[in-house]
Amino acid sequence: LLGLINEQASIPQQLNFNRHYIGLSDGNRSRNFVMFRPRKQYVNIHAEVPDLASWVEKFEEAGLAVTKEKRRVRVTISPTNFSKHQELITSLLHTAVEEFER
């Protein structure tokens, strides 16, 4: 997932491991426009994207568990779901990077 983020990012991001989640860092500062909360069977991806309602609709149409939060969309991804919906997940991460770098 970090590789997908760095494809789009102008400044390469690194994983920043915290107690309850894995965030991003540019080497100096935390940049948590995308966060990961790994579990044993799946990972929750929290991404700040514009137009949350349309993203929720896209993921619901794909049959993935999704929740709209204040400024983020949370998607639950298992390894099988990732391989099936990689294009949609890539689009989400690239959109989050574009929105962050504005």
PDB file of N, CA and C in Angstrom:
ATOM      1  N   LEU A   1       0.823  -1.196   0.000  1.00  0.00           N
ATOM      2  CA  LEU A   1       0.000   0.000   0.000  1.00  0.00           C
ATOM      3  C   LEU A   1       0.867   1.261   0.000  1.00  0.00           C
ATOM      4  N   LEU A   2       1.991   1.198   0.697  1.00  0.00           N
ATOM      5  CA  LEU A   2       2.893   2.348   0.702  1.00  0.00           C
ATOM      6  C   LEU A   2       3.415   2.620  -0.704  1.00  0.00           C
ATOM      7  N   GLY A   3       3.689   1.575  -1.462  1.00  0.00           N
ATOM      8  CA  GLY A   3       4.150   1.736  -2.834  1.00  0.00           C
ATOM      9  C   GLY A   3       3.120   2.448  -3.700  1.00  0.00           C
ATOM     10  N   LEU A   4       1.833   2.159  -3.479  1.00  0.00           N
ATOM     11  CA  LEU A   4       0.779   2.830  -4.236  1.00  0.00           C
ATOM     12  C   LEU A   4       0.717   4.313  -3.895  1.00  0.00           C
ATOM     13  N   ILE A   5       0.951   4.645  -2.633  1.00  0.00           N
ATOM     14  CA  ILE A   5       0.950   6.049  -2.210  1.00  0.00           C
ATOM     15  C   ILE A   5       2.143   6.774  -2.810  1.00  0.00           C
ATOM     16  N   ASN A   6       3.307   6.151  -2.765  1.00  0.00           N
ATOM     17  CA  ASN A   6       4.526   6.795  -3.260  1.00  0.00           C
ATOM     18  C   ASN A   6       4.555   6.921  -4.776  1.00  0.00           C
ATOM     19  N   GLU A   7       3.749   6.139  -5.499  1.00  0.00           N
ATOM     20  CA  GLU A   7       3.627   6.325  -6.945  1.00  0.00           C
ATOM     21  C   GLU A   7       3.129   7.722  -7.270  1.00  0.00           C
ATOM     22  N   GLN A   8       2.226   8.236  -6.444  1.00  0.00           N
ATOM     23  CA  GLN A   8       1.563   9.513  -6.706  1.00  0.00           C
ATOM     24  C   GLN A   8       2.197  10.675  -5.938  1.00  0.00           C
ATOM     25  N   ALA A   9       2.850  10.412  -4.819  1.00  0.00           N
ATOM     26  CA  ALA A   9       3.355  11.467  -3.936  1.00  0.00           C
ATOM     27  C   ALA A   9       4.603  12.127  -4.511  1.00  0.00           C
ATOM     28  N   SER A  10       4.673  13.450  -4.393  1.00  0.00           N
ATOM     29  CA  SER A  10       5.869  14.165  -4.835  1.00  0.00           C
ATOM     30  C   SER A  10       7.006  13.998  -3.825  1.00  0.00           C
ATOM     31  N   ILE A  11       6.664  13.901  -2.537  1.00  0.00           N
ATOM     32  CA  ILE A  11       7.644  13.635  -1.481  1.00  0.00           C
ATOM     33  C   ILE A  11       7.400  12.206  -1.001  1.00  0.00           C
ATOM     34  N   PRO A  12       8.398  11.325  -1.093  1.00  0.00           N
ATOM     35  CA  PRO A  12       8.190   9.932  -0.673  1.00  0.00           C
ATOM     36  C   PRO A  12       7.777   9.845   0.797  1.00  0.00           C
ATOM     37  N   GLN A  13       6.789   9.029   1.054  1.00  0.00           N
ATOM     38  CA  GLN A  13       6.285   8.835   2.407  1.00  0.00           C
ATOM     39  C   GLN A  13       6.898   7.569   3.002  1.00  0.00           C
ATOM     40  N   GLN A  14       6.945   7.532   4.330  1.00  0.00           N
ATOM     41  CA  GLN A  14       7.430   6.368   5.064  1.00  0.00           C
ATOM     42  C   GLN A  14       6.338   5.945   6.040  1.00  0.00           C
ATOM     43  N   LEU A  15       6.370   4.694   6.445  1.00  0.00           N
ATOM     44  CA  LEU A  15       5.430   4.245   7.456  1.00  0.00           C
ATOM     45  C   LEU A  15       5.895   4.731   8.824  1.00  0.00           C
ATOM     46  N   ASN A  16       4.948   5.202   9.621  1.00  0.00           N
ATOM     47  CA  ASN A  16       5.215   5.703  10.958  1.00  0.00           C
ATOM     48  C   ASN A  16       4.403   4.838  11.928  1.00  0.00           C
ATOM     49  N   PHE A  17       5.057   3.915  12.607  1.00  0.00           N
ATOM     50  CA  PHE A  17       4.372   2.946  13.456  1.00  0.00           C
ATOM     51  C   PHE A  17       4.053   3.555  14.815  1.00  0.00           C
ATOM     52  N   ASN A  18       2.763   3.545  15.162  1.00  0.00           N
ATOM     53  CA  ASN A  18       2.288   3.999  16.456  1.00  0.00           C
ATOM     54  C   ASN A  18       1.600   2.834  17.163  1.00  0.00           C
ATOM     55  N   ARG A  19       1.180   3.058  18.378  1.00  0.00           N
ATOM     56  CA  ARG A  19       0.598   1.975  19.164  1.00  0.00           C
ATOM     57  C   ARG A  19      -0.699   1.427  18.563  1.00  0.00           C
ATOM     58  N   HIS A  20      -1.580   2.310  18.082  1.00  0.00           N
ATOM     59  CA  HIS A  20      -2.895   1.884  17.625  1.00  0.00           C
ATOM     60  C   HIS A  20      -3.083   1.944  16.112  1.00  0.00           C
ATOM     61  N   TYR A  21      -2.168   2.554  15.399  1.00  0.00           N
ATOM     62  CA  TYR A  21      -2.316   2.665  13.951  1.00  0.00           C
ATOM     63  C   TYR A  21      -0.949   2.866  13.301  1.00  0.00           C
ATOM     64  N   ILE A  22      -0.924   2.725  11.995  1.00  0.00           N
ATOM     65  CA  ILE A  22       0.278   3.008  11.216  1.00  0.00           C
ATOM     66  C   ILE A  22      -0.039   4.217  10.353  1.00  0.00           C
ATOM     67  N   GLY A  23       0.700   5.285  10.556  1.00  0.00           N
ATOM     68  CA  GLY A  23       0.495   6.503   9.795  1.00  0.00           C
ATOM     69  C   GLY A  23       1.583   6.679   8.761  1.00  0.00           C
ATOM     70  N   LEU A  24       1.652   7.878   8.217  1.00  0.00           N
ATOM     71  CA  LEU A  24       2.672   8.207   7.228  1.00  0.00           C
ATOM     72  C   LEU A  24       3.535   9.347   7.744  1.00  0.00           C
ATOM     73  N   SER A  25       4.756   9.389   7.267  1.00  0.00           N
ATOM     74  CA  SER A  25       5.687  10.442   7.620  1.00  0.00           C
ATOM     75  C   SER A  25       6.512  10.769   6.384  1.00  0.00           C
ATOM     76  N   ASP A  26       6.863  12.039   6.238  1.00  0.00           N
ATOM     77  CA  ASP A  26       7.726  12.417   5.112  1.00  0.00           C
ATOM     78  C   ASP A  26       9.195  12.410   5.521  1.00  0.00           C
ATOM     79  N   GLY A  27       9.485  11.890   6.699  1.00  0.00           N
ATOM     80  CA  GLY A  27      10.845  11.862   7.215  1.00  0.00           C
ATOM     81  C   GLY A  27      11.028  12.853   8.349  1.00  0.00           C
ATOM     82  N   ASN A  28      10.249  13.940   8.330  1.00  0.00           N
ATOM     83  CA  ASN A  28      10.329  14.957   9.375  1.00  0.00           C
ATOM     84  C   ASN A  28       9.040  15.049  10.185  1.00  0.00           C
ATOM     85  N   ARG A  29       7.911  15.101   9.487  1.00  0.00           N
ATOM     86  CA  ARG A  29       6.621  15.314  10.138  1.00  0.00           C
ATOM     87  C   ARG A  29       5.650  14.198   9.806  1.00  0.00           C
ATOM     88  N   SER A  30       4.720  13.978  10.706  1.00  0.00           N
ATOM     89  CA  SER A  30       3.649  13.022  10.439  1.00  0.00           C
ATOM     90  C   SER A  30       2.710  13.602   9.406  1.00  0.00           C
ATOM     91  N   ARG A  31       2.305  12.776   8.472  1.00  0.00           N
ATOM     92  CA  ARG A  31       1.384  13.177   7.403  1.00  0.00           C
ATOM     93  C   ARG A  31       0.281  12.125   7.338  1.00  0.00           C
ATOM     94  N   ASN A  32      -0.663  12.195   8.233  1.00  0.00           N
ATOM     95  CA  ASN A  32      -1.654  11.131   8.367  1.00  0.00           C
ATOM     96  C   ASN A  32      -2.897  11.376   7.523  1.00  0.00           C
ATOM     97  N   PHE A  33      -2.696  11.703   6.244  1.00  0.00           N
ATOM     98  CA  PHE A  33      -3.841  11.808   5.351  1.00  0.00           C
ATOM     99  C   PHE A  33      -4.346  10.414   4.974  1.00  0.00           C
ATOM    100  N   VAL A  34      -3.515   9.406   5.190  1.00  0.00           N
ATOM    101  CA  VAL A  34      -3.907   7.998   5.088  1.00  0.00           C
ATOM    102  C   VAL A  34      -3.342   7.280   6.309  1.00  0.00           C
ATOM    103  N   MET A  35      -4.193   6.490   6.974  1.00  0.00           N
ATOM    104  CA  MET A  35      -3.756   5.707   8.128  1.00  0.00           C
ATOM    105  C   MET A  35      -4.217   4.270   7.940  1.00  0.00           C
ATOM    106  N   PHE A  36      -3.476   3.362   8.534  1.00  0.00           N
ATOM    107  CA  PHE A  36      -3.806   1.946   8.467  1.00  0.00           C
ATOM    108  C   PHE A  36      -3.954   1.415   9.879  1.00  0.00           C
ATOM    109  N   ARG A  37      -5.005   0.617  10.091  1.00  0.00           N
ATOM    110  CA  ARG A  37      -5.194  -0.075  11.368  1.00  0.00           C
ATOM    111  C   ARG A  37      -5.257  -1.572  11.070  1.00  0.00           C
ATOM    112  N   PRO A  38      -4.103  -2.235  11.128  1.00  0.00           N
ATOM    113  CA  PRO A  38      -4.081  -3.659  10.788  1.00  0.00           C
ATOM    114  C   PRO A  38      -4.691  -4.525  11.887  1.00  0.00           C
ATOM    115  N   ARG A  39      -5.394  -5.547  11.448  1.00  0.00           N
ATOM    116  CA  ARG A  39      -5.952  -6.578  12.322  1.00  0.00           C
ATOM    117  C   ARG A  39      -5.470  -7.931  11.806  1.00  0.00           C
ATOM    118  N   LYS A  40      -5.841  -8.995  12.462  1.00  0.00           N
ATOM    119  CA  LYS A  40      -5.349 -10.311  12.049  1.00  0.00           C
ATOM    120  C   LYS A  40      -5.860 -10.718  10.667  1.00  0.00           C
ATOM    121  N   GLN A  41      -7.112 -10.467  10.380  1.00  0.00           N
ATOM    122  CA  GLN A  41      -7.721 -10.928   9.135  1.00  0.00           C
ATOM    123  C   GLN A  41      -7.897  -9.833   8.085  1.00  0.00           C
ATOM    124  N   TYR A  42      -7.710  -8.586   8.448  1.00  0.00           N
ATOM    125  CA  TYR A  42      -7.971  -7.482   7.523  1.00  0.00           C
ATOM    126  C   TYR A  42      -7.217  -6.234   7.969  1.00  0.00           C
ATOM    127  N   VAL A  43      -7.292  -5.190   7.163  1.00  0.00           N
ATOM    128  CA  VAL A  43      -6.734  -3.891   7.527  1.00  0.00           C
ATOM    129  C   VAL A  43      -7.792  -2.833   7.249  1.00  0.00           C
ATOM    130  N   ASN A  44      -7.936  -1.885   8.162  1.00  0.00           N
ATOM    131  CA  ASN A  44      -8.799  -0.732   7.935  1.00  0.00           C
ATOM    132  C   ASN A  44      -7.941   0.383   7.353  1.00  0.00           C
ATOM    133  N   ILE A  45      -8.360   0.925   6.233  1.00  0.00           N
ATOM    134  CA  ILE A  45      -7.675   2.053   5.614  1.00  0.00           C
ATOM    135  C   ILE A  45      -8.524   3.284   5.852  1.00  0.00           C
ATOM    136  N   HIS A  46      -7.954   4.301   6.482  1.00  0.00           N
ATOM    137  CA  HIS A  46      -8.630   5.569   6.731  1.00  0.00           C
ATOM    138  C   HIS A  46      -7.983   6.594   5.797  1.00  0.00           C
ATOM    139  N   ALA A  47      -8.767   7.187   4.894  1.00  0.00           N
ATOM    140  CA  ALA A  47      -8.206   8.121   3.918  1.00  0.00           C
ATOM    141  C   ALA A  47      -9.029   9.405   3.878  1.00  0.00           C
ATOM    142  N   GLU A  48      -8.335  10.537   3.862  1.00  0.00           N
ATOM    143  CA  GLU A  48      -8.991  11.836   3.708  1.00  0.00           C
ATOM    144  C   GLU A  48      -9.131  12.112   2.216  1.00  0.00           C
ATOM    145  N   VAL A  49     -10.380  12.109   1.752  1.00  0.00           N
ATOM    146  CA  VAL A  49     -10.660  12.362   0.344  1.00  0.00           C
ATOM    147  C   VAL A  49     -11.828  13.338   0.234  1.00  0.00           C
ATOM    148  N   PRO A  50     -11.894  14.096  -0.859  1.00  0.00           N
ATOM    149  CA  PRO A  50     -13.055  14.962  -1.060  1.00  0.00           C
ATOM    150  C   PRO A  50     -14.267  14.125  -1.462  1.00  0.00           C
ATOM    151  N   ASP A  51     -15.450  14.644  -1.265  1.00  0.00           N
ATOM    152  CA  ASP A  51     -16.697  14.000  -1.673  1.00  0.00           C
ATOM    153  C   ASP A  51     -16.831  12.598  -1.079  1.00  0.00           C
ATOM    154  N   LEU A  52     -16.908  12.548   0.232  1.00  0.00           N
ATOM    155  CA  LEU A  52     -16.967  11.273   0.945  1.00  0.00           C
ATOM    156  C   LEU A  52     -18.142  10.406   0.496  1.00  0.00           C
ATOM    157  N   ALA A  53     -19.278  11.037   0.239  1.00  0.00           N
ATOM    158  CA  ALA A  53     -20.470  10.265  -0.118  1.00  0.00           C
ATOM    159  C   ALA A  53     -20.263   9.456  -1.391  1.00  0.00           C
ATOM    160  N   SER A  54     -19.597  10.018  -2.382  1.00  0.00           N
ATOM    161  CA  SER A  54     -19.389   9.279  -3.627  1.00  0.00           C
ATOM    162  C   SER A  54     -18.432   8.107  -3.424  1.00  0.00           C
ATOM    163  N   TRP A  55     -17.435   8.277  -2.560  1.00  0.00           N
ATOM    164  CA  TRP A  55     -16.514   7.171  -2.274  1.00  0.00           C
ATOM    165  C   TRP A  55     -17.223   6.060  -1.515  1.00  0.00           C
ATOM    166  N   VAL A  56     -18.075   6.424  -0.577  1.00  0.00           N
ATOM    167  CA  VAL A  56     -18.845   5.411   0.160  1.00  0.00           C
ATOM    168  C   VAL A  56     -19.706   4.623  -0.827  1.00  0.00           C
ATOM    169  N   GLU A  57     -20.339   5.321  -1.750  1.00  0.00           N
ATOM    170  CA  GLU A  57     -21.180   4.659  -2.748  1.00  0.00           C
ATOM    171  C   GLU A  57     -20.365   3.705  -3.631  1.00  0.00           C
ATOM    172  N   LYS A  58     -19.186   4.144  -4.070  1.00  0.00           N
ATOM    173  CA  LYS A  58     -18.338   3.286  -4.914  1.00  0.00           C
ATOM    174  C   LYS A  58     -17.952   1.996  -4.199  1.00  0.00           C
ATOM    175  N   PHE A  59     -17.552   2.112  -2.936  1.00  0.00           N
ATOM    176  CA  PHE A  59     -17.132   0.921  -2.195  1.00  0.00           C
ATOM    177  C   PHE A  59     -18.318   0.025  -1.843  1.00  0.00           C
ATOM    178  N   GLU A  60     -19.477   0.616  -1.571  1.00  0.00           N
ATOM    179  CA  GLU A  60     -20.660  -0.195  -1.305  1.00  0.00           C
ATOM    180  C   GLU A  60     -21.075  -0.964  -2.555  1.00  0.00           C
ATOM    181  N   GLU A  61     -20.992  -0.325  -3.726  1.00  0.00           N
ATOM    182  CA  GLU A  61     -21.308  -1.009  -4.980  1.00  0.00           C
ATOM    183  C   GLU A  61     -20.348  -2.175  -5.224  1.00  0.00           C
ATOM    184  N   ALA A  62     -19.086  -2.020  -4.796  1.00  0.00           N
ATOM    185  CA  ALA A  62     -18.098  -3.082  -4.958  1.00  0.00           C
ATOM    186  C   ALA A  62     -18.272  -4.185  -3.913  1.00  0.00           C
ATOM    187  N   GLY A  63     -19.121  -3.953  -2.910  1.00  0.00           N
ATOM    188  CA  GLY A  63     -19.380  -4.963  -1.890  1.00  0.00           C
ATOM    189  C   GLY A  63     -18.380  -4.952  -0.749  1.00  0.00           C
ATOM    190  N   LEU A  64     -17.701  -3.832  -0.534  1.00  0.00           N
ATOM    191  CA  LEU A  64     -16.724  -3.718   0.541  1.00  0.00           C
ATOM    192  C   LEU A  64     -17.323  -2.975   1.729  1.00  0.00           C
ATOM    193  N   ALA A  65     -16.859  -3.310   2.931  1.00  0.00           N
ATOM    194  CA  ALA A  65     -17.311  -2.626   4.138  1.00  0.00           C
ATOM    195  C   ALA A  65     -16.691  -1.241   4.179  1.00  0.00           C
ATOM    196  N   VAL A  66     -17.525  -0.217   4.271  1.00  0.00           N
ATOM    197  CA  VAL A  66     -17.050   1.167   4.245  1.00  0.00           C
ATOM    198  C   VAL A  66     -17.865   1.993   5.234  1.00  0.00           C
ATOM    199  N   THR A  67     -17.202   2.975   5.859  1.00  0.00           N
ATOM    200  CA  THR A  67     -17.846   3.872   6.806  1.00  0.00           C
ATOM    201  C   THR A  67     -17.376   5.289   6.539  1.00  0.00           C
ATOM    202  N   LYS A  68     -18.303   6.225   6.618  1.00  0.00           N
ATOM    203  CA  LYS A  68     -17.947   7.636   6.470  1.00  0.00           C
ATOM    204  C   LYS A  68     -17.701   8.219   7.848  1.00  0.00           C
ATOM    205  N   GLU A  69     -16.542   8.824   8.036  1.00  0.00           N
ATOM    206  CA  GLU A  69     -16.205   9.479   9.298  1.00  0.00           C
ATOM    207  C   GLU A  69     -16.235  10.982   9.067  1.00  0.00           C
ATOM    208  N   LYS A  70     -15.744  11.781  10.006  1.00  0.00           N
ATOM    209  CA  LYS A  70     -15.800  13.239   9.871  1.00  0.00           C
ATOM    210  C   LYS A  70     -15.162  13.734   8.576  1.00  0.00           C
ATOM    211  N   ARG A  71     -13.874  13.473   8.419  1.00  0.00           N
ATOM    212  CA  ARG A  71     -13.161  13.928   7.230  1.00  0.00           C
ATOM    213  C   ARG A  71     -12.597  12.772   6.424  1.00  0.00           C
ATOM    214  N   ARG A  72     -12.874  11.570   6.853  1.00  0.00           N
ATOM    215  CA  ARG A  72     -12.239  10.395   6.255  1.00  0.00           C
ATOM    216  C   ARG A  72     -13.275   9.353   5.846  1.00  0.00           C
ATOM    217  N   VAL A  73     -12.824   8.490   4.974  1.00  0.00           N
ATOM    218  CA  VAL A  73     -13.580   7.291   4.648  1.00  0.00           C
ATOM    219  C   VAL A  73     -12.761   6.112   5.159  1.00  0.00           C
ATOM    220  N   ARG A  74     -13.441   5.152   5.801  1.00  0.00           N
ATOM    221  CA  ARG A  74     -12.760   3.970   6.339  1.00  0.00           C
ATOM    222  C   ARG A  74     -13.223   2.749   5.558  1.00  0.00           C
ATOM    223  N   VAL A  75     -12.250   2.043   4.982  1.00  0.00           N
ATOM    224  CA  VAL A  75     -12.538   0.861   4.177  1.00  0.00           C
ATOM    225  C   VAL A  75     -11.850  -0.339   4.824  1.00  0.00           C
ATOM    226  N   THR A  76     -12.582  -1.427   4.955  1.00  0.00           N
ATOM    227  CA  THR A  76     -12.024  -2.654   5.504  1.00  0.00           C
ATOM    228  C   THR A  76     -11.641  -3.570   4.348  1.00  0.00           C
ATOM    229  N   ILE A  77     -10.347  -3.933   4.309  1.00  0.00           N
ATOM    230  CA  ILE A  77      -9.814  -4.708   3.202  1.00  0.00           C
ATOM    231  C   ILE A  77      -9.183  -6.002   3.723  1.00  0.00           C
ATOM    232  N   SER A  78      -9.590  -7.118   3.154  1.00  0.00           N
ATOM    233  CA  SER A  78      -8.927  -8.403   3.431  1.00  0.00           C
ATOM    234  C   SER A  78      -8.007  -8.712   2.249  1.00  0.00           C
ATOM    235  N   PRO A  79      -7.106  -9.667   2.390  1.00  0.00           N
ATOM    236  CA  PRO A  79      -6.209  -9.982   1.266  1.00  0.00           C
ATOM    237  C   PRO A  79      -6.951 -10.355  -0.018  1.00  0.00           C
ATOM    238  N   THR A  80      -8.058 -11.100   0.091  1.00  0.00           N
ATOM    239  CA  THR A  80      -8.809 -11.464  -1.119  1.00  0.00           C
ATOM    240  C   THR A  80      -9.507 -10.261  -1.721  1.00  0.00           C
ATOM    241  N   ASN A  81     -10.042  -9.379  -0.864  1.00  0.00           N
ATOM    242  CA  ASN A  81     -10.684  -8.163  -1.377  1.00  0.00           C
ATOM    243  C   ASN A  81      -9.673  -7.250  -2.050  1.00  0.00           C
ATOM    244  N   PHE A  82      -8.459  -7.210  -1.534  1.00  0.00           N
ATOM    245  CA  PHE A  82      -7.442  -6.340  -2.138  1.00  0.00           C
ATOM    246  C   PHE A  82      -7.140  -6.778  -3.564  1.00  0.00           C
ATOM    247  N   SER A  83      -6.983  -8.067  -3.772  1.00  0.00           N
ATOM    248  CA  SER A  83      -6.663  -8.531  -5.121  1.00  0.00           C
ATOM    249  C   SER A  83      -7.841  -8.319  -6.082  1.00  0.00           C
ATOM    250  N   LYS A  84      -9.074  -8.430  -5.594  1.00  0.00           N
ATOM    251  CA  LYS A  84     -10.255  -8.234  -6.438  1.00  0.00           C
ATOM    252  C   LYS A  84     -10.488  -6.765  -6.777  1.00  0.00           C
ATOM    253  N   HIS A  85     -10.215  -5.877  -5.822  1.00  0.00           N
ATOM    254  CA  HIS A  85     -10.577  -4.463  -5.973  1.00  0.00           C
ATOM    255  C   HIS A  85      -9.361  -3.553  -5.936  1.00  0.00           C
ATOM    256  N   GLN A  86      -8.236  -4.019  -6.421  1.00  0.00           N
ATOM    257  CA  GLN A  86      -6.995  -3.239  -6.343  1.00  0.00           C
ATOM    258  C   GLN A  86      -7.104  -1.905  -7.080  1.00  0.00           C
ATOM    259  N   GLU A  87      -7.790  -1.877  -8.197  1.00  0.00           N
ATOM    260  CA  GLU A  87      -7.915  -0.634  -8.971  1.00  0.00           C
ATOM    261  C   GLU A  87      -8.676   0.435  -8.181  1.00  0.00           C
ATOM    262  N   LEU A  88      -9.752   0.057  -7.517  1.00  0.00           N
ATOM    263  CA  LEU A  88     -10.544   0.992  -6.721  1.00  0.00           C
ATOM    264  C   LEU A  88      -9.746   1.489  -5.513  1.00  0.00           C
ATOM    265  N   ILE A  89      -9.016   0.601  -4.859  1.00  0.00           N
ATOM    266  CA  ILE A  89      -8.204   0.982  -3.704  1.00  0.00           C
ATOM    267  C   ILE A  89      -7.071   1.910  -4.135  1.00  0.00           C
ATOM    268  N   THR A  90      -6.456   1.607  -5.270  1.00  0.00           N
ATOM    269  CA  THR A  90      -5.399   2.469  -5.805  1.00  0.00           C
ATOM    270  C   THR A  90      -5.945   3.854  -6.098  1.00  0.00           C
ATOM    271  N   SER A  91      -7.119   3.912  -6.684  1.00  0.00           N
ATOM    272  CA  SER A  91      -7.749   5.196  -6.984  1.00  0.00           C
ATOM    273  C   SER A  91      -8.011   5.996  -5.706  1.00  0.00           C
ATOM    274  N   LEU A  92      -8.466   5.328  -4.649  1.00  0.00           N
ATOM    275  CA  LEU A  92      -8.701   5.993  -3.358  1.00  0.00           C
ATOM    276  C   LEU A  92      -7.404   6.588  -2.815  1.00  0.00           C
ATOM    277  N   LEU A  93      -6.336   5.791  -2.810  1.00  0.00           N
ATOM    278  CA  LEU A  93      -5.062   6.261  -2.258  1.00  0.00           C
ATOM    279  C   LEU A  93      -4.484   7.399  -3.096  1.00  0.00           C
ATOM    280  N   HIS A  94      -4.566   7.310  -4.411  1.00  0.00           N
ATOM    281  CA  HIS A  94      -4.059   8.379  -5.279  1.00  0.00           C
ATOM    282  C   HIS A  94      -4.856   9.667  -5.083  1.00  0.00           C
ATOM    283  N   THR A  95      -6.164   9.545  -4.917  1.00  0.00           N
ATOM    284  CA  THR A  95      -6.990  10.730  -4.659  1.00  0.00           C
ATOM    285  C   THR A  95      -6.635  11.378  -3.333  1.00  0.00           C
ATOM    286  N   ALA A  96      -6.367  10.566  -2.307  1.00  0.00           N
ATOM    287  CA  ALA A  96      -5.966  11.099  -0.999  1.00  0.00           C
ATOM    288  C   ALA A  96      -4.644  11.847  -1.113  1.00  0.00           C
ATOM    289  N   VAL A  97      -3.696  11.323  -1.878  1.00  0.00           N
ATOM    290  CA  VAL A  97      -2.406  11.993  -2.072  1.00  0.00           C
ATOM    291  C   VAL A  97      -2.599  13.316  -2.797  1.00  0.00           C
ATOM    292  N   GLU A  98      -3.397  13.310  -3.864  1.00  0.00           N
ATOM    293  CA  GLU A  98      -3.648  14.534  -4.630  1.00  0.00           C
ATOM    294  C   GLU A  98      -4.297  15.603  -3.752  1.00  0.00           C
ATOM    295  N   GLU A  99      -5.248  15.201  -2.934  1.00  0.00           N
ATOM    296  CA  GLU A  99      -5.929  16.153  -2.049  1.00  0.00           C
ATOM    297  C   GLU A  99      -4.962  16.707  -1.002  1.00  0.00           C
ATOM    298  N   PHE A 100      -4.091  15.865  -0.470  1.00  0.00           N
ATOM    299  CA  PHE A 100      -3.117  16.303   0.534  1.00  0.00           C
ATOM    300  C   PHE A 100      -2.116  17.290  -0.054  1.00  0.00           C
ATOM    301  N   GLU A 101      -1.685  17.050  -1.288  1.00  0.00           N
ATOM    302  CA  GLU A 101      -0.636  17.872  -1.882  1.00  0.00           C
ATOM    303  C   GLU A 101      -1.131  19.170  -2.486  1.00  0.00           C
ATOM    304  N   ARG A 102      -2.409  19.425  -2.428  1.00  0.00           N
ATOM    305  CA  ARG A 102      -2.945  20.695  -2.955  1.00  0.00           C
ATOM    306  C   ARG A 102      -2.426  21.871  -2.205  1.00  0.00           C
TER     307      ARG A 102
END
